[in-house]
C-alpha atoms as a PDB file:
ATOM      1  CA  MET A   1     -31.507  -0.470  -7.883  1.00  0.00           C
ATOM      2  CA  THR A   2     -28.481   0.367  -5.729  1.00  0.00           C
ATOM      3  CA  THR A   3     -24.810   0.649  -7.372  1.00  0.00           C
ATOM      4  CA  VAL A   4     -21.900  -0.082  -5.627  1.00  0.00           C
ATOM      5  CA  HIS A   5     -18.017   0.435  -7.082  1.00  0.00           C
ATOM      6  CA  ARG A   6     -14.547  -0.003  -6.418  1.00  0.00           C
ATOM      7  CA  ASP A   7     -14.535   2.356  -3.161  1.00  0.00           C
ATOM      8  CA  SER A   8     -17.462   0.701  -1.680  1.00  0.00           C
ATOM      9  CA  SER A   9     -17.220  -0.901   1.648  1.00  0.00           C
ATOM     10  CA  PRO A  10     -17.560  -4.769   1.850  1.00  0.00           C
ATOM     11  CA  ASP A  11     -20.743  -4.227   3.650  1.00  0.00           C
ATOM     12  CA  GLU A  12     -21.911  -2.229   0.930  1.00  0.00           C
ATOM     13  CA  ILE A  13     -21.070  -4.767  -1.500  1.00  0.00           C
ATOM     14  CA  ARG A  14     -22.526  -7.543   0.526  1.00  0.00           C
ATOM     15  CA  ALA A  15     -25.752  -5.462   0.880  1.00  0.00           C
ATOM     16  CA  TRP A  16     -25.878  -4.778  -3.163  1.00  0.00           C
ATOM     17  CA  LEU A  17     -25.397  -8.595  -3.865  1.00  0.00           C
ATOM     18  CA  ILE A  18     -27.825  -9.543  -1.557  1.00  0.00           C
ATOM     19  CA  GLU A  19     -30.172  -6.995  -3.027  1.00  0.00           C
ATOM     20  CA  ARG A  20     -29.110  -8.709  -6.774  1.00  0.00           C
ATOM     21  CA  VAL A  21     -29.625 -12.526  -5.411  1.00  0.00           C
ATOM     22  CA  ALA A  22     -32.919 -11.703  -4.020  1.00  0.00           C
ATOM     23  CA  TYR A  23     -34.043  -9.936  -7.358  1.00  0.00           C
ATOM     24  CA  TYR A  24     -33.028 -13.014  -9.385  1.00  0.00           C
ATOM     25  CA  LEU A  25     -34.589 -15.606  -7.128  1.00  0.00           C
ATOM     26  CA  GLU A  26     -37.665 -13.441  -6.680  1.00  0.00           C
ATOM     27  CA  LEU A  27     -37.349 -13.526  -2.940  1.00  0.00           C
ATOM     28  CA  PRO A  28     -37.380 -10.851  -0.157  1.00  0.00           C
ATOM     29  CA  ALA A  29     -33.567  -9.776   0.669  1.00  0.00           C
ATOM     30  CA  ASP A  30     -34.205 -10.535   4.345  1.00  0.00           C
ATOM     31  CA  ASN A  31     -34.493 -14.038   3.117  1.00  0.00           C
ATOM     32  CA  ILE A  32     -31.245 -14.192   1.758  1.00  0.00           C
ATOM     33  CA  ASP A  33     -28.506 -15.355   4.185  1.00  0.00           C
ATOM     34  CA  PRO A  34     -24.694 -14.443   2.897  1.00  0.00           C
ATOM     35  CA  ASP A  35     -23.556 -17.501   4.380  1.00  0.00           C
ATOM     36  CA  THR A  36     -25.893 -19.970   2.626  1.00  0.00           C
ATOM     37  CA  GLU A  37     -24.856 -21.385  -0.459  1.00  0.00           C
ATOM     38  CA  LEU A  38     -26.364 -19.972  -3.456  1.00  0.00           C
ATOM     39  CA  ALA A  39     -27.375 -23.123  -4.877  1.00  0.00           C
ATOM     40  CA  GLN A  40     -29.393 -24.104  -1.802  1.00  0.00           C
ATOM     41  CA  TYR A  41     -31.883 -21.126  -2.855  1.00  0.00           C
ATOM     42  CA  GLY A  42     -31.916 -22.551  -6.429  1.00  0.00           C
ATOM     43  CA  LEU A  43     -29.866 -20.135  -8.238  1.00  0.00           C
ATOM     44  CA  ASP A  44     -29.037 -21.772 -11.703  1.00  0.00           C
ATOM     45  CA  SER A  45     -25.935 -21.121 -13.840  1.00  0.00           C
ATOM     46  CA  VAL A  46     -27.278 -19.029 -15.980  1.00  0.00           C
ATOM     47  CA  TYR A  47     -28.175 -16.296 -13.297  1.00  0.00           C
ATOM     48  CA  SER A  48     -24.953 -17.208 -11.422  1.00  0.00           C
ATOM     49  CA  MET A  49     -23.106 -15.722 -14.583  1.00  0.00           C
ATOM     50  CA  SER A  50     -25.333 -12.415 -14.655  1.00  0.00           C
ATOM     51  CA  ILE A  51     -24.549 -11.907 -11.134  1.00  0.00           C
ATOM     52  CA  ILE A  52     -21.024 -12.269 -12.094  1.00  0.00           C
ATOM     53  CA  ALA A  53     -21.133 -10.337 -14.779  1.00  0.00           C
ATOM     54  CA  GLU A  54     -22.855  -7.301 -12.570  1.00  0.00           C
ATOM     55  CA  ILE A  55     -20.155  -7.385 -10.390  1.00  0.00           C
ATOM     56  CA  GLU A  56     -17.578  -7.215 -12.935  1.00  0.00           C
ATOM     57  CA  ASP A  57     -19.341  -4.088 -14.261  1.00  0.00           C
ATOM     58  CA  GLN A  58     -20.064  -2.687 -10.829  1.00  0.00           C
ATOM     59  CA  LEU A  59     -16.506  -3.177  -9.285  1.00  0.00           C
ATOM     60  CA  GLN A  60     -14.431  -2.813 -12.322  1.00  0.00           C
ATOM     61  CA  VAL A  61     -12.564  -6.205 -11.810  1.00  0.00           C
ATOM     62  CA  LYS A  62     -12.430  -9.409 -13.902  1.00  0.00           C
ATOM     63  CA  ILE A  63     -13.909 -12.154 -12.058  1.00  0.00           C
ATOM     64  CA  ASP A  64     -13.094 -16.207 -12.820  1.00  0.00           C
ATOM     65  CA  GLU A  65     -15.941 -17.417 -14.322  1.00  0.00           C
ATOM     66  CA  MET A  66     -15.816 -20.305 -11.962  1.00  0.00           C
ATOM     67  CA  ALA A  67     -16.060 -18.198  -9.180  1.00  0.00           C
ATOM     68  CA  ALA A  68     -20.005 -18.843  -8.242  1.00  0.00           C
ATOM     69  CA  TRP A  69     -18.827 -22.492  -7.772  1.00  0.00           C
ATOM     70  CA  LYS A  70     -15.667 -21.619  -5.784  1.00  0.00           C
ATOM     71  CA  TYR A  71     -16.945 -18.991  -3.744  1.00  0.00           C
ATOM     72  CA  PRO A  72     -20.504 -20.428  -3.326  1.00  0.00           C
ATOM     73  CA  THR A  73     -21.765 -18.047  -0.839  1.00  0.00           C
ATOM     74  CA  ILE A  74     -22.349 -14.248  -1.111  1.00  0.00           C
ATOM     75  CA  ASN A  75     -19.952 -13.428   1.953  1.00  0.00           C
ATOM     76  CA  ALA A  76     -17.204 -15.312  -0.259  1.00  0.00           C
ATOM     77  CA  LEU A  77     -17.933 -13.590  -3.144  1.00  0.00           C
ATOM     78  CA  VAL A  78     -17.540 -10.457  -1.460  1.00  0.00           C
ATOM     79  CA  ASP A  79     -14.205 -11.507   0.454  1.00  0.00           C
ATOM     80  CA  TYR A  80     -12.926 -12.870  -3.508  1.00  0.00           C
ATOM     81  CA  ALA A  81     -14.003  -9.264  -5.010  1.00  0.00           C
ATOM     82  CA  GLU A  82     -12.081  -7.077  -2.177  1.00  0.00           C
ATOM     83  CA  ASN A  83      -8.994  -9.178  -2.893  1.00  0.00           C
ATOM     84  CA  LEU A  84      -9.306  -8.405  -6.565  1.00  0.00           C
ATOM     85  CA  ILE A  85     -10.116  -4.660  -5.565  1.00  0.00           C
ATOM     86  CA  SER A  86      -7.078  -4.560  -3.468  1.00  0.00           C
ATOM     87  CA  GLU A  87      -4.764  -5.743  -6.297  1.00  0.00           C
ATOM     88  CA  PRO A  88      -2.793  -3.431  -8.011  1.00  0.00           C
ATOM     89  CA  VAL A  89      -3.903  -2.135 -11.531  1.00  0.00           C
ATOM     90  CA  HIS A  90      -1.237  -2.805 -14.101  1.00  0.00           C
ATOM     91  CA  PRO A  91      -2.053  -0.649 -17.252  1.00  0.00           C
ATOM     92  CA  ALA A  92      -1.964  -2.298 -20.676  1.00  0.00           C
ATOM     93  CA  PRO A  93       1.120  -2.418 -22.206  1.00  0.00           C
END
C-alpha cells in the first residue's frame, strides 16, 4: 500500500486516495474518477468514515466528521486536506 504524508503533493495525495477508495469498493483504481461523487460508486458511511480516518492518520490533520458529505469527490477531499495542511500548526497550551 502506498503511503502519503503532510509533504506529499496534491497529485500524490489524489493517487493515494483513489487507491484507498478503489480498495474499499473492490474496484480497479483506473475505474475511479476523482470528480465523481463517491456516493455514486456506492461508498457507504462506514467506508467513508474509514477513509476520513486514514486521511487523518496519513496527513496528520483533523478532518471534519462531515467532510465526506461536504466534499463528496476525491478532488474536493484533496483540496480540503491541502487547505488543512497549509494552516499553521498551533502548539498545545
